C-alpha atoms as a PDB file:
ATOM      1  CA  MET A   1     -45.941  -1.502   9.586  1.00  0.00           C
ATOM      2  CA  ALA A   2     -42.940   0.774   9.111  1.00  0.00           C
ATOM      3  CA  GLU A   3     -40.533  -0.169   6.395  1.00  0.00           C
ATOM      4  CA  ARG A   4     -37.206  -1.475   7.592  1.00  0.00           C
ATOM      5  CA  LYS A   5     -34.151   0.440   6.518  1.00  0.00           C
ATOM      6  CA  SER A   6     -32.132  -1.373   3.903  1.00  0.00           C
ATOM      7  CA  ARG A   7     -28.986  -2.917   5.305  1.00  0.00           C
ATOM      8  CA  LYS A   8     -25.651  -1.728   4.020  1.00  0.00           C
ATOM      9  CA  LYS A   9     -24.061  -4.100   1.544  1.00  0.00           C
ATOM     10  CA  PRO A  10     -21.039  -5.896   3.050  1.00  0.00           C
ATOM     11  CA  GLY A  11     -17.845  -4.131   2.061  1.00  0.00           C
ATOM     12  CA  ALA A  12     -19.588  -0.878   1.129  1.00  0.00           C
ATOM     13  CA  PRO A  13     -17.775   2.258   2.355  1.00  0.00           C
ATOM     14  CA  ARG A  14     -19.164   4.021   5.408  1.00  0.00           C
ATOM     15  CA  GLN A  15     -20.759   7.425   4.985  1.00  0.00           C
ATOM     16  CA  ARG A  16     -18.119   9.935   6.027  1.00  0.00           C
ATOM     17  CA  ARG A  17     -18.987  12.681   8.493  1.00  0.00           C
ATOM     18  CA  LYS A  18     -18.152  16.281   7.713  1.00  0.00           C
ATOM     19  CA  LEU A  19     -15.184  17.702   9.584  1.00  0.00           C
ATOM     20  CA  ALA A  20     -15.008  21.063  11.321  1.00  0.00           C
ATOM     21  CA  GLY A  21     -12.288  22.473   9.066  1.00  0.00           C
ATOM     22  CA  LYS A  22     -13.329  24.523   6.066  1.00  0.00           C
ATOM     23  CA  SER A  23     -11.388  25.231   2.902  1.00  0.00           C
ATOM     24  CA  ILE A  24     -11.047  28.815   1.697  1.00  0.00           C
ATOM     25  CA  ALA A  25     -11.634  27.285  -1.724  1.00  0.00           C
ATOM     26  CA  LEU A  26      -8.878  28.816  -3.804  1.00  0.00           C
ATOM     27  CA  GLY A  27      -9.273  28.233  -7.523  1.00  0.00           C
ATOM     28  CA  ALA A  28      -6.385  26.932  -9.601  1.00  0.00           C
ATOM     29  CA  SER A  29      -5.525  30.403 -10.912  1.00  0.00           C
ATOM     30  CA  ASP A  30      -5.548  31.841  -7.375  1.00  0.00           C
ATOM     31  CA  LEU A  31      -2.613  29.753  -6.148  1.00  0.00           C
ATOM     32  CA  ILE A  32      -0.016  31.966  -7.809  1.00  0.00           C
ATOM     33  CA  GLY A  33      -2.090  35.082  -8.436  1.00  0.00           C
ATOM     34  CA  ALA A  34      -0.955  37.160  -5.457  1.00  0.00           C
ATOM     35  CA  ALA A  35       2.325  38.733  -4.372  1.00  0.00           C
ATOM     36  CA  ALA A  36       4.205  36.703  -1.769  1.00  0.00           C
ATOM     37  CA  PRO A  37       4.671  38.308   1.681  1.00  0.00           C
ATOM     38  CA  GLU A  38       8.116  39.558   2.685  1.00  0.00           C
ATOM     39  CA  GLU A  39       8.950  36.573   4.893  1.00  0.00           C
ATOM     40  CA  VAL A  40       8.401  34.237   1.946  1.00  0.00           C
ATOM     41  CA  LYS A  41      10.615  36.412  -0.246  1.00  0.00           C
ATOM     42  CA  GLU A  42      13.290  36.208   2.457  1.00  0.00           C
ATOM     43  CA  LEU A  43      13.002  32.412   2.371  1.00  0.00           C
ATOM     44  CA  GLN A  44      13.463  32.464  -1.407  1.00  0.00           C
ATOM     45  CA  ARG A  45      16.644  34.500  -1.040  1.00  0.00           C
ATOM     46  CA  ALA A  46      17.924  32.146   1.672  1.00  0.00           C
ATOM     47  CA  ILE A  47      17.315  29.109  -0.540  1.00  0.00           C
ATOM     48  CA  GLU A  48      19.311  30.692  -3.361  1.00  0.00           C
ATOM     49  CA  LYS A  49      22.091  31.583  -0.892  1.00  0.00           C
ATOM     50  CA  ASP A  50      22.186  27.946   0.299  1.00  0.00           C
ATOM     51  CA  GLY A  51      22.866  26.788  -3.268  1.00  0.00           C
ATOM     52  CA  GLY A  52      19.300  25.822  -4.055  1.00  0.00           C
ATOM     53  CA  THR A  53      16.986  26.926  -6.844  1.00  0.00           C
ATOM     54  CA  VAL A  54      13.465  28.239  -6.324  1.00  0.00           C
ATOM     55  CA  LEU A  55      11.131  26.584  -8.802  1.00  0.00           C
ATOM     56  CA  THR A  56       7.949  28.395  -7.856  1.00  0.00           C
ATOM     57  CA  THR A  57       6.125  30.031  -4.957  1.00  0.00           C
ATOM     58  CA  TYR A  58       2.430  29.403  -4.414  1.00  0.00           C
ATOM     59  CA  ARG A  59      -0.404  29.098  -1.912  1.00  0.00           C
ATOM     60  CA  GLU A  60      -1.733  25.662  -1.078  1.00  0.00           C
ATOM     61  CA  PRO A  61      -5.422  25.262  -2.041  1.00  0.00           C
ATOM     62  CA  PHE A  62      -6.965  24.378   1.320  1.00  0.00           C
ATOM     63  CA  GLY A  63      -5.908  27.075   3.766  1.00  0.00           C
ATOM     64  CA  GLY A  64      -4.089  29.435   1.401  1.00  0.00           C
ATOM     65  CA  GLN A  65      -0.748  29.079   3.227  1.00  0.00           C
ATOM     66  CA  TRP A  66       2.378  30.035   1.285  1.00  0.00           C
ATOM     67  CA  LEU A  67       4.815  27.352   0.123  1.00  0.00           C
ATOM     68  CA  VAL A  68       8.019  27.355  -1.897  1.00  0.00           C
ATOM     69  CA  SER A  69       8.874  24.590  -4.351  1.00  0.00           C
ATOM     70  CA  ALA A  70      12.635  24.317  -4.651  1.00  0.00           C
ATOM     71  CA  ALA A  71      15.529  22.113  -5.743  1.00  0.00           C
ATOM     72  CA  LEU A  72      17.951  21.760  -2.828  1.00  0.00           C
ATOM     73  CA  PRO A  73      21.533  20.459  -2.557  1.00  0.00           C
ATOM     74  CA  ILE A  74      20.928  17.004  -1.141  1.00  0.00           C
ATOM     75  CA  GLU A  75      23.831  17.194   1.306  1.00  0.00           C
ATOM     76  CA  ARG A  76      22.119  20.097   3.080  1.00  0.00           C
ATOM     77  CA  VAL A  77      19.002  18.076   3.929  1.00  0.00           C
ATOM     78  CA  GLU A  78      18.507  15.600   6.762  1.00  0.00           C
ATOM     79  CA  PRO A  79      15.566  14.077   8.655  1.00  0.00           C
ATOM     80  CA  THR A  80      14.305  15.728  11.820  1.00  0.00           C
ATOM     81  CA  PRO A  81      16.015  14.078  14.797  1.00  0.00           C
ATOM     82  CA  TYR A  82      12.773  13.166  16.575  1.00  0.00           C
ATOM     83  CA  GLN A  83      11.023  10.933  14.070  1.00  0.00           C
ATOM     84  CA  ARG A  84      10.901   7.152  13.866  1.00  0.00           C
ATOM     85  CA  ASN A  85      13.922   5.172  12.708  1.00  0.00           C
ATOM     86  CA  LEU A  86      14.589   4.529   9.046  1.00  0.00           C
ATOM     87  CA  SER A  87      13.087   1.297   7.730  1.00  0.00           C
ATOM     88  CA  ASP A  88      15.828  -0.358   5.712  1.00  0.00           C
ATOM     89  CA  THR A  89      13.282  -2.513   3.875  1.00  0.00           C
ATOM     90  CA  HIS A  90      11.201   0.488   2.829  1.00  0.00           C
ATOM     91  CA  ALA A  91      14.274   2.499   1.817  1.00  0.00           C
ATOM     92  CA  ARG A  92      15.609  -0.349  -0.340  1.00  0.00           C
ATOM     93  CA  LYS A  93      12.230  -0.766  -2.022  1.00  0.00           C
ATOM     94  CA  LEU A  94      12.145   2.944  -2.842  1.00  0.00           C
ATOM     95  CA  GLU A  95      15.680   2.772  -4.225  1.00  0.00           C
ATOM     96  CA  GLY A  96      14.685  -0.052  -6.541  1.00  0.00           C
ATOM     97  CA  VAL A  97      11.507   1.660  -7.765  1.00  0.00           C
ATOM     98  CA  ILE A  98      13.192   5.032  -8.393  1.00  0.00           C
ATOM     99  CA  ALA A  99      16.104   3.361 -10.161  1.00  0.00           C
ATOM    100  CA  LYS A 100      13.836   1.236 -12.361  1.00  0.00           C
ATOM    101  CA  LEU A 101      11.479   4.082 -13.257  1.00  0.00           C
ATOM    102  CA  GLY A 102      14.344   6.524 -13.748  1.00  0.00           C
ATOM    103  CA  ARG A 103      12.217   9.224 -12.105  1.00  0.00           C
ATOM    104  CA  PHE A 104      11.818  10.961  -8.744  1.00  0.00           C
ATOM    105  CA  LEU A 105       8.218  12.176  -8.638  1.00  0.00           C
ATOM    106  CA  ASP A 106       7.291  12.723  -4.996  1.00  0.00           C
ATOM    107  CA  PRO A 107       8.850  15.867  -3.445  1.00  0.00           C
ATOM    108  CA  ILE A 108       9.798  15.797   0.214  1.00  0.00           C
ATOM    109  CA  ILE A 109       8.583  18.387   2.721  1.00  0.00           C
ATOM    110  CA  VAL A 110      11.212  20.498   4.503  1.00  0.00           C
ATOM    111  CA  VAL A 111      11.643  23.495   6.757  1.00  0.00           C
ATOM    112  CA  ARG A 112      14.728  25.700   6.800  1.00  0.00           C
ATOM    113  CA  LYS A 113      16.615  25.997  10.063  1.00  0.00           C
ATOM    114  CA  GLU A 114      19.418  28.297  11.119  1.00  0.00           C
ATOM    115  CA  SER A 115      22.598  26.554  12.289  1.00  0.00           C
ATOM    116  CA  LYS A 116      26.008  28.007  13.023  1.00  0.00           C
ATOM    117  CA  ASP A 117      27.639  24.627  13.668  1.00  0.00           C
ATOM    118  CA  SER A 118      26.455  22.656  10.640  1.00  0.00           C
ATOM    119  CA  ASP A 119      26.053  22.893   6.882  1.00  0.00           C
ATOM    120  CA  ILE A 120      22.653  21.278   7.244  1.00  0.00           C
ATOM    121  CA  ARG A 121      20.067  23.921   6.452  1.00  0.00           C
ATOM    122  CA  TYR A 122      16.899  21.864   5.937  1.00  0.00           C
ATOM    123  CA  TRP A 123      15.010  19.346   8.028  1.00  0.00           C
ATOM    124  CA  THR A 124      12.466  16.958   6.536  1.00  0.00           C
ATOM    125  CA  PRO A 125       9.731  15.727   8.879  1.00  0.00           C
ATOM    126  CA  ASN A 126       8.047  13.933   5.987  1.00  0.00           C
ATOM    127  CA  GLY A 127      10.440  12.432   3.447  1.00  0.00           C
ATOM    128  CA  MET A 128      13.175  10.551   5.324  1.00  0.00           C
ATOM    129  CA  HIS A 129      12.948   7.378   3.224  1.00  0.00           C
ATOM    130  CA  ARG A 130      12.809   9.246  -0.093  1.00  0.00           C
ATOM    131  CA  LEU A 131      15.802  11.323   0.973  1.00  0.00           C
ATOM    132  CA  SER A 132      17.753   8.211   1.986  1.00  0.00           C
ATOM    133  CA  ALA A 133      16.938   6.481  -1.296  1.00  0.00           C
ATOM    134  CA  MET A 134      18.040   9.457  -3.363  1.00  0.00           C
ATOM    135  CA  LYS A 135      21.308   9.785  -1.429  1.00  0.00           C
ATOM    136  CA  THR A 136      22.054   6.080  -1.887  1.00  0.00           C
ATOM    137  CA  LEU A 137      21.356   6.392  -5.611  1.00  0.00           C
ATOM    138  CA  GLY A 138      23.869   9.244  -5.869  1.00  0.00           C
ATOM    139  CA  ALA A 139      21.513  12.169  -6.463  1.00  0.00           C
ATOM    140  CA  LYS A 140      23.064  15.613  -6.034  1.00  0.00           C
ATOM    141  CA  SER A 141      19.820  17.497  -5.449  1.00  0.00           C
ATOM    142  CA  ILE A 142      16.276  16.804  -4.353  1.00  0.00           C
ATOM    143  CA  VAL A 143      12.985  18.572  -5.039  1.00  0.00           C
ATOM    144  CA  ALA A 144      11.227  19.763  -1.912  1.00  0.00           C
ATOM    145  CA  ILE A 145       8.222  21.735  -0.749  1.00  0.00           C
ATOM    146  CA  VAL A 146       9.659  24.282   1.695  1.00  0.00           C
ATOM    147  CA  VAL A 147       7.286  25.361   4.454  1.00  0.00           C
ATOM    148  CA  PRO A 148       8.141  28.897   5.653  1.00  0.00           C
ATOM    149  CA  GLU A 149       7.117  28.295   9.270  1.00  0.00           C
ATOM    150  CA  THR A 150       9.856  26.381  11.096  1.00  0.00           C
ATOM    151  CA  THR A 151       7.314  25.196  13.671  1.00  0.00           C
ATOM    152  CA  ALA A 152       5.727  23.125  10.904  1.00  0.00           C
ATOM    153  CA  ALA A 153       8.549  20.617  11.449  1.00  0.00           C
ATOM    154  CA  TYR A 154       6.582  19.553  14.524  1.00  0.00           C
ATOM    155  CA  GLN A 155       3.089  20.040  13.142  1.00  0.00           C
ATOM    156  CA  ILE A 156       3.696  18.062   9.958  1.00  0.00           C
ATOM    157  CA  LEU A 157       4.172  14.877  11.966  1.00  0.00           C
ATOM    158  CA  ALA A 158       0.410  15.002  12.486  1.00  0.00           C
ATOM    159  CA  LEU A 159      -0.026  14.926   8.707  1.00  0.00           C
ATOM    160  CA  ASN A 160       2.239  11.907   8.351  1.00  0.00           C
ATOM    161  CA  THR A 161      -0.559   9.473   9.176  1.00  0.00           C
ATOM    162  CA  GLU A 162      -0.199   7.266   6.114  1.00  0.00           C
ATOM    163  CA  LYS A 163       0.248   3.623   7.029  1.00  0.00           C
ATOM    164  CA  ALA A 164       1.325   0.786   4.833  1.00  0.00           C
ATOM    165  CA  HIS A 165      -1.555  -0.461   2.696  1.00  0.00           C
ATOM    166  CA  ASN A 166      -3.148  -3.589   4.065  1.00  0.00           C
ATOM    167  CA  LEU A 167      -3.679  -6.561   1.779  1.00  0.00           C
ATOM    168  CA  ARG A 168      -7.221  -5.614   0.797  1.00  0.00           C
ATOM    169  CA  GLU A 169      -6.217  -2.051  -0.125  1.00  0.00           C
ATOM    170  CA  ARG A 170      -3.247  -3.228  -2.173  1.00  0.00           C
ATOM    171  CA  ALA A 171      -5.265  -5.848  -4.030  1.00  0.00           C
ATOM    172  CA  LEU A 172      -8.107  -3.467  -4.863  1.00  0.00           C
ATOM    173  CA  GLU A 173      -5.618  -0.858  -6.050  1.00  0.00           C
ATOM    174  CA  VAL A 174      -3.971  -3.422  -8.331  1.00  0.00           C
ATOM    175  CA  ILE A 175      -7.162  -4.805  -9.865  1.00  0.00           C
ATOM    176  CA  LYS A 176      -8.559  -1.342 -10.577  1.00  0.00           C
ATOM    177  CA  MET A 177      -5.279  -0.404 -12.240  1.00  0.00           C
ATOM    178  CA  TYR A 178      -5.391  -3.700 -14.167  1.00  0.00           C
ATOM    179  CA  GLN A 179      -8.900  -3.056 -15.476  1.00  0.00           C
ATOM    180  CA  GLU A 180      -7.882   0.404 -16.674  1.00  0.00           C
ATOM    181  CA  LEU A 181      -4.665  -0.800 -18.365  1.00  0.00           C
ATOM    182  CA  ALA A 182      -6.560  -3.633 -20.079  1.00  0.00           C
ATOM    183  CA  THR A 183      -8.333  -1.037 -22.237  1.00  0.00           C
ATOM    184  CA  PHE A 184      -5.101   0.472 -23.580  1.00  0.00           C
ATOM    185  CA  ASP A 185      -3.018  -2.000 -25.567  1.00  0.00           C
ATOM    186  CA  GLY A 186      -1.937  -5.629 -25.918  1.00  0.00           C
ATOM    187  CA  ALA A 187       0.590  -5.592 -23.079  1.00  0.00           C
ATOM    188  CA  THR A 188       0.820  -8.696 -20.906  1.00  0.00           C
ATOM    189  CA  GLU A 189       0.683  -8.890 -17.118  1.00  0.00           C
ATOM    190  CA  ASP A 190       4.439  -9.157 -16.669  1.00  0.00           C
ATOM    191  CA  THR A 191       4.823  -5.901 -18.612  1.00  0.00           C
ATOM    192  CA  TYR A 192       3.373  -4.230 -15.530  1.00  0.00           C
ATOM    193  CA  ALA A 193       5.054  -6.461 -12.950  1.00  0.00           C
ATOM    194  CA  LEU A 194       6.446  -3.420 -11.156  1.00  0.00           C
ATOM    195  CA  GLU A 195       3.028  -1.765 -10.895  1.00  0.00           C
ATOM    196  CA  PHE A 196       1.158  -4.964  -9.933  1.00  0.00           C
ATOM    197  CA  GLU A 197       3.859  -6.132  -7.471  1.00  0.00           C
ATOM    198  CA  GLU A 198       2.740  -9.758  -7.604  1.00  0.00           C
ATOM    199  CA  ALA A 199       0.254 -11.880  -9.516  1.00  0.00           C
ATOM    200  CA  ALA A 200      -1.568 -12.909  -6.342  1.00  0.00           C
ATOM    201  CA  LEU A 201      -2.835  -9.365  -5.816  1.00  0.00           C
ATOM    202  CA  ILE A 202      -4.694  -9.456  -9.141  1.00  0.00           C
ATOM    203  CA  THR A 203      -6.635 -12.575  -8.217  1.00  0.00           C
ATOM    204  CA  LEU A 204      -7.288 -11.365  -4.678  1.00  0.00           C
ATOM    205  CA  GLY A 205      -8.409  -7.992  -6.016  1.00  0.00           C
ATOM    206  CA  LEU A 206     -11.171  -9.666  -8.011  1.00  0.00           C
ATOM    207  CA  CYS A 207     -12.232 -11.567  -4.887  1.00  0.00           C
ATOM    208  CA  TYR A 208     -12.414  -8.356  -2.889  1.00  0.00           C
ATOM    209  CA  LEU A 209     -14.466  -6.685  -5.616  1.00  0.00           C
ATOM    210  CA  GLU A 210     -16.953  -9.532  -5.300  1.00  0.00           C
ATOM    211  CA  ASN A 211     -16.833  -9.655  -1.505  1.00  0.00           C
ATOM    212  CA  GLY A 212     -15.308  -6.746   0.400  1.00  0.00           C
ATOM    213  CA  ARG A 213     -14.914  -8.939   3.490  1.00  0.00           C
ATOM    214  CA  PHE A 214     -13.131 -11.787   1.748  1.00  0.00           C
ATOM    215  CA  SER A 215     -10.434 -13.348   3.964  1.00  0.00           C
ATOM    216  CA  GLY A 216      -7.562 -12.849   1.564  1.00  0.00           C
ATOM    217  CA  GLY A 217      -4.930 -13.002   4.280  1.00  0.00           C
ATOM    218  CA  ALA A 218      -5.600 -16.712   4.803  1.00  0.00           C
ATOM    219  CA  TYR A 219      -4.707 -17.513   1.183  1.00  0.00           C
ATOM    220  CA  HIS A 220      -2.150 -14.847   0.316  1.00  0.00           C
ATOM    221  CA  PRO A 221       0.974 -16.816   1.409  1.00  0.00           C
ATOM    222  CA  ILE A 222      -0.171 -19.743  -0.753  1.00  0.00           C
ATOM    223  CA  LEU A 223      -0.971 -17.595  -3.780  1.00  0.00           C
ATOM    224  CA  ARG A 224       2.375 -15.835  -3.584  1.00  0.00           C
ATOM    225  CA  ARG A 225       4.015 -19.212  -4.264  1.00  0.00           C
ATOM    226  CA  SER A 226       1.613 -20.506  -6.892  1.00  0.00           C
ATOM    227  CA  ASP A 227      -0.161 -17.676  -8.731  1.00  0.00           C
ATOM    228  CA  ALA A 228       2.000 -16.486 -11.634  1.00  0.00           C
ATOM    229  CA  PHE A 229       1.545 -13.771 -14.252  1.00  0.00           C
ATOM    230  CA  ILE A 230      -0.475 -14.917 -17.268  1.00  0.00           C
ATOM    231  CA  LYS A 231       1.353 -14.510 -20.567  1.00  0.00           C
ATOM    232  CA  LYS A 232      -1.613 -13.139 -22.506  1.00  0.00           C
ATOM    233  CA  PRO A 233      -2.736  -9.586 -23.302  1.00  0.00           C
ATOM    234  CA  LEU A 234      -4.434  -8.082 -20.267  1.00  0.00           C
ATOM    235  CA  LYS A 235      -7.867  -8.047 -21.830  1.00  0.00           C
ATOM    236  CA  ALA A 236      -7.686 -11.766 -22.604  1.00  0.00           C
ATOM    237  CA  ALA A 237      -5.951 -12.628 -19.335  1.00  0.00           C
ATOM    238  CA  LEU A 238      -8.703 -10.952 -17.334  1.00  0.00           C
ATOM    239  CA  ALA A 239     -11.109 -13.779 -18.156  1.00  0.00           C
ATOM    240  CA  SER A 240      -8.599 -16.293 -16.807  1.00  0.00           C
ATOM    241  CA  ARG A 241      -8.128 -14.148 -13.713  1.00  0.00           C
ATOM    242  CA  GLU A 242     -11.865 -14.066 -13.114  1.00  0.00           C
ATOM    243  CA  GLN A 243     -11.934 -17.862 -13.298  1.00  0.00           C
ATOM    244  CA  ARG A 244      -9.084 -18.068 -10.794  1.00  0.00           C
ATOM    245  CA  ALA A 245     -10.947 -15.741  -8.453  1.00  0.00           C
ATOM    246  CA  LYS A 246     -14.090 -17.866  -8.766  1.00  0.00           C
ATOM    247  CA  THR A 247     -12.115 -21.019  -7.972  1.00  0.00           C
ATOM    248  CA  LEU A 248     -10.575 -19.375  -4.919  1.00  0.00           C
ATOM    249  CA  MET A 249     -13.942 -18.143  -3.671  1.00  0.00           C
ATOM    250  CA  ASP A 250     -15.463 -21.594  -4.205  1.00  0.00           C
ATOM    251  CA  LEU A 251     -12.641 -23.044  -2.109  1.00  0.00           C
ATOM    252  CA  ASP A 252     -13.283 -20.393   0.545  1.00  0.00           C
ATOM    253  CA  GLY A 253     -16.927 -21.439   0.664  1.00  0.00           C
ATOM    254  CA  LYS A 254     -15.888 -25.017   1.441  1.00  0.00           C
ATOM    255  CA  VAL A 255     -13.409 -23.787   4.058  1.00  0.00           C
ATOM    256  CA  ILE A 256     -16.159 -21.748   5.726  1.00  0.00           C
ATOM    257  CA  GLU A 257     -18.325 -24.868   5.924  1.00  0.00           C
ATOM    258  CA  LYS A 258     -15.550 -26.653   7.850  1.00  0.00           C
ATOM    259  CA  VAL A 259     -15.064 -23.622  10.097  1.00  0.00           C
ATOM    260  CA  GLU A 260     -18.766 -23.604  10.961  1.00  0.00           C
ATOM    261  CA  ALA A 261     -18.635 -27.353  11.655  1.00  0.00           C
ATOM    262  CA  LEU A 262     -15.721 -26.819  14.049  1.00  0.00           C
ATOM    263  CA  LYS A 263     -17.652 -24.046  15.811  1.00  0.00           C
ATOM    264  CA  ALA A 264     -20.656 -26.357  16.143  1.00  0.00           C
ATOM    265  CA  LYS A 265     -18.317 -28.850  17.770  1.00  0.00           C
ATOM    266  CA  GLY A 266     -17.478 -26.242  20.397  1.00  0.00           C
ATOM    267  CA  LEU A 267     -14.172 -24.897  19.081  1.00  0.00           C
ATOM    268  CA  THR A 268     -14.128 -21.098  19.285  1.00  0.00           C
ATOM    269  CA  SER A 269     -10.604 -20.028  18.309  1.00  0.00           C
ATOM    270  CA  PRO A 270     -10.445 -16.780  16.261  1.00  0.00           C
ATOM    271  CA  TYR A 271      -7.950 -18.567  14.002  1.00  0.00           C
ATOM    272  CA  LEU A 272     -10.208 -21.385  12.839  1.00  0.00           C
ATOM    273  CA  LYS A 273     -10.048 -20.377   9.174  1.00  0.00           C
ATOM    274  CA  SER A 274      -6.263 -20.095   9.254  1.00  0.00           C
ATOM    275  CA  PHE A 275      -6.161 -23.503  10.906  1.00  0.00           C
ATOM    276  CA  VAL A 276      -8.318 -25.127   8.218  1.00  0.00           C
ATOM    277  CA  VAL A 277      -6.359 -23.493   5.383  1.00  0.00           C
ATOM    278  CA  ALA A 278      -3.070 -24.614   6.942  1.00  0.00           C
ATOM    279  CA  ARG A 279      -4.332 -28.199   7.203  1.00  0.00           C
ATOM    280  CA  ILE A 280      -5.175 -28.339   3.487  1.00  0.00           C
ATOM    281  CA  ASN A 281      -2.182 -26.328   2.230  1.00  0.00           C
ATOM    282  CA  PRO A 282      -0.209 -28.573  -0.178  1.00  0.00           C
ATOM    283  CA  LEU A 283       2.811 -26.239  -0.010  1.00  0.00           C
ATOM    284  CA  ARG A 284       3.139 -26.255   3.763  1.00  0.00           C
ATOM    285  CA  PHE A 285       5.648 -29.110   4.021  1.00  0.00           C
ATOM    286  CA  ARG A 286       6.638 -29.316   0.366  1.00  0.00           C
ATOM    287  CA  PRO A 287      10.439 -29.644  -0.075  1.00  0.00           C
ATOM    288  CA  LYS A 288      12.109 -26.554  -1.499  1.00  0.00           C
ATOM    289  CA  ASP A 289      13.717 -28.596  -4.271  1.00  0.00           C
ATOM    290  CA  ALA A 290      10.396 -30.122  -5.378  1.00  0.00           C
ATOM    291  CA  ALA A 291       8.886 -29.030  -8.680  1.00  0.00           C
ATOM    292  CA  PRO A 292       6.653 -25.987  -8.135  1.00  0.00           C
ATOM    293  CA  LEU A 293       2.894 -26.368  -8.274  1.00  0.00           C
ATOM    294  CA  ASP A 294       0.927 -23.904 -10.352  1.00  0.00           C
ATOM    295  CA  PHE A 295      -2.310 -22.223  -9.327  1.00  0.00           C
ATOM    296  CA  ASP A 296      -4.633 -24.866 -10.767  1.00  0.00           C
ATOM    297  CA  GLU A 297      -2.712 -27.742  -9.165  1.00  0.00           C
ATOM    298  CA  VAL A 298      -2.714 -26.040  -5.762  1.00  0.00           C
ATOM    299  CA  MET A 299      -6.419 -25.215  -5.890  1.00  0.00           C
ATOM    300  CA  ASP A 300      -7.316 -28.732  -7.037  1.00  0.00           C
ATOM    301  CA  ARG A 301      -5.394 -30.307  -4.159  1.00  0.00           C
ATOM    302  CA  MET A 302      -6.842 -27.875  -1.610  1.00  0.00           C
ATOM    303  CA  ILE A 303     -10.425 -28.479  -2.745  1.00  0.00           C
ATOM    304  CA  LYS A 304      -9.977 -32.246  -2.543  1.00  0.00           C
ATOM    305  CA  ALA A 305      -8.309 -31.951   0.857  1.00  0.00           C
ATOM    306  CA  VAL A 306     -10.998 -29.752   2.389  1.00  0.00           C
ATOM    307  CA  GLU A 307     -13.736 -32.067   1.112  1.00  0.00           C
ATOM    308  CA  LYS A 308     -12.016 -35.021   2.800  1.00  0.00           C
ATOM    309  CA  MET A 309     -11.288 -33.170   6.054  1.00  0.00           C
ATOM    310  CA  ASN A 310     -12.973 -34.858   9.019  1.00  0.00           C
ATOM    311  CA  VAL A 311     -13.687 -32.211  11.648  1.00  0.00           C
ATOM    312  CA  GLU A 312     -14.583 -34.906  14.186  1.00  0.00           C
ATOM    313  CA  LYS A 313     -10.890 -35.794  14.417  1.00  0.00           C
ATOM    314  CA  VAL A 314      -9.808 -32.234  15.216  1.00  0.00           C
ATOM    315  CA  LYS A 315      -8.854 -31.678  18.853  1.00  0.00           C
ATOM    316  CA  VAL A 316      -8.371 -28.506  20.878  1.00  0.00           C
ATOM    317  CA  GLU A 317      -4.641 -29.209  21.138  1.00  0.00           C
ATOM    318  CA  ASP A 318      -4.441 -29.291  17.349  1.00  0.00           C
ATOM    319  CA  LEU A 319      -5.555 -25.664  17.280  1.00  0.00           C
ATOM    320  CA  ALA A 320      -2.982 -24.696  19.884  1.00  0.00           C
ATOM    321  CA  LYS A 321      -0.209 -26.106  17.702  1.00  0.00           C
ATOM    322  CA  SER A 322      -1.361 -24.212  14.610  1.00  0.00           C
ATOM    323  CA  GLY A 323      -0.128 -20.779  15.765  1.00  0.00           C
ATOM    324  CA  GLY A 324      -1.760 -17.414  15.151  1.00  0.00           C
ATOM    325  CA  ALA A 325      -3.550 -15.684  12.336  1.00  0.00           C
ATOM    326  CA  ALA A 326      -2.373 -15.457   8.749  1.00  0.00           C
ATOM    327  CA  GLU A 327      -0.742 -12.254   7.601  1.00  0.00           C
ATOM    328  CA  GLU A 328      -3.081  -9.465   6.475  1.00  0.00           C
ATOM    329  CA  THR A 329      -0.447  -6.985   5.373  1.00  0.00           C
ATOM    330  CA  ALA A 330       2.643  -7.602   3.317  1.00  0.00           C
END
């Protein structure tokens, strides 16, 4: 009898297929080892004429295309007119991060355009929010990667495929960062509040490490209101975090049992888990002026509530009133 192929572990990354494109494989020393072509030298002179400063000229490592790194007068840069509208929320978040860090580390991408009717000399197809944040913060210049080919202003939109991290991605990023920082010093969780964003992501990150398909979105709104930073050195706090993750996963196991019981009863809504979690959520109708409940209190109440939940009393109309799915991105 032929051996059966081993099944992929839930949450394991898929094997990625090879793409048609091929790198010319420039080594690190090759990026600046050749003389720039005349059109790139002309771009350098134009940048200087526009009041900018050329920092370096180099070839990018994949296709060997020439690029110019430059500091540009910020008033001469604007977004391309055909991209999506500015997200005020995203721009404000960037402003806060840049201001708190005291650093601008992510250059924008621009192309130079000729214009007789405007002082604007550079368009950015990939950097609108960073540009807006820097202008709001009062910066006089901005560091940019200048692409010599003006047509790249259209092509670069294809490169701008990055979407906002979903909850799972954010949580895994945070917990991996946490585990690395825990080896450094005696800093506490709130020392890295900016990097971690919120305490809930640490706990959820541990759950996702254990189970890549964990339904974190069902619990995230509750954890955001109850899971606080632990005032212990990271290395010591990690043990407490692991216990919190275990408690949450134990609760999830009980929730899944109720979901399966509802399915056996004939209820087939895709939002069954969200419905069960909402029914046992002690914060759902809690008055805003009531004393806050901490993580342990919330979990204790939810576990008791789900154990007492009688699925036989749940009706189809109850599901209809519960609304849609819980948030997965935030």
